[in-house]
Amino acid sequence: MESAVFWITTIGGLLSFGAWIWYYASLGERISKEEKEVGKDLTYEMNPFTGSTGNLKKN
C-alpha cells in the first residue's frame, strides 16, 4: 500500500512539474513572437498571465 502511495504522488508531482515547465516555455515563446512582430521590447506592456499585449501596431 505504501508503495502505491509513493508512486502515485511521485508520478503526480512529475506531471505537475512538467505542466509548469510547458506553461512557462510556451509563454516565453509567445512573448518572443509578439516582440519580433512589433519590433521592440514589450517587458512592461505584456499581460504576464497570457503573454499577450492585445493589438499593438508596429512603429
Protein backbone atom coordinates (compact mmCIF):
# COMPACT_ATOMS: atom_id res chain seq x y z
CA MET A 1 0.00 0.00 0.00
CA GLU A 2 2.79 2.42 0.88
CA SER A 3 4.45 1.69 -2.45
CA ALA A 4 1.29 2.65 -4.35
CA VAL A 5 1.03 5.95 -2.47
CA PHE A 6 4.68 6.67 -3.23
CA TRP A 7 4.26 6.02 -6.96
CA ILE A 8 1.01 7.98 -7.24
CA THR A 9 2.48 11.04 -5.54
CA THR A 10 5.74 10.77 -7.50
CA ILE A 11 4.02 10.49 -10.87
CA GLY A 12 1.54 13.23 -9.97
CA GLY A 13 4.38 15.51 -8.90
CA LEU A 14 6.30 14.89 -12.10
CA LEU A 15 3.22 15.56 -14.23
CA SER A 16 2.56 18.78 -12.31
CA PHE A 17 6.17 19.89 -12.71
CA GLY A 18 6.06 19.09 -16.42
CA ALA A 19 2.88 21.13 -16.85
CA TRP A 20 4.51 24.18 -15.24
CA ILE A 21 7.61 23.85 -17.43
CA TRP A 22 5.41 23.59 -20.54
CA TYR A 23 3.37 26.64 -19.45
CA TYR A 24 6.41 28.89 -18.97
CA ALA A 25 8.10 27.67 -22.16
CA SER A 26 5.01 28.37 -24.26
CA LEU A 27 4.51 31.75 -22.57
CA GLY A 28 8.11 32.74 -23.37
CA GLU A 29 7.67 31.62 -26.96
CA ARG A 30 4.52 33.71 -27.34
CA ILE A 31 6.18 36.80 -25.84
CA SER A 32 9.18 36.41 -28.13
CA LYS A 33 6.91 36.10 -31.17
CA GLU A 34 4.98 39.28 -30.30
CA GLU A 35 8.20 41.21 -29.65
CA LYS A 36 9.50 40.22 -33.08
CA GLU A 37 6.22 41.26 -34.74
CA VAL A 38 6.20 44.68 -33.07
CA GLY A 39 9.95 45.20 -33.22
CA LYS A 40 10.50 46.37 -29.66
CA ASP A 41 10.83 45.15 -26.06
CA LEU A 42 7.41 44.60 -24.52
CA THR A 43 8.54 43.91 -20.95
CA TYR A 44 6.20 46.39 -19.25
CA GLU A 45 3.39 46.18 -21.80
CA MET A 46 2.64 42.44 -21.58
CA ASN A 47 -0.05 40.69 -19.64
CA PRO A 48 2.11 38.27 -17.59
CA PHE A 49 -0.59 35.60 -17.47
CA THR A 50 -1.45 35.37 -21.17
CA GLY A 51 1.76 36.64 -22.77
CA SER A 52 -0.29 38.98 -24.92
CA THR A 53 -0.32 42.74 -25.41
CA GLY A 54 -3.55 42.95 -27.28
CA ASN A 55 -3.37 44.76 -30.60
CA LEU A 56 -0.08 46.64 -30.78
CA LYS A 57 0.95 48.08 -34.11
CA LYS A 58 4.49 48.12 -35.43
CA ASN A 59 6.11 51.56 -35.06
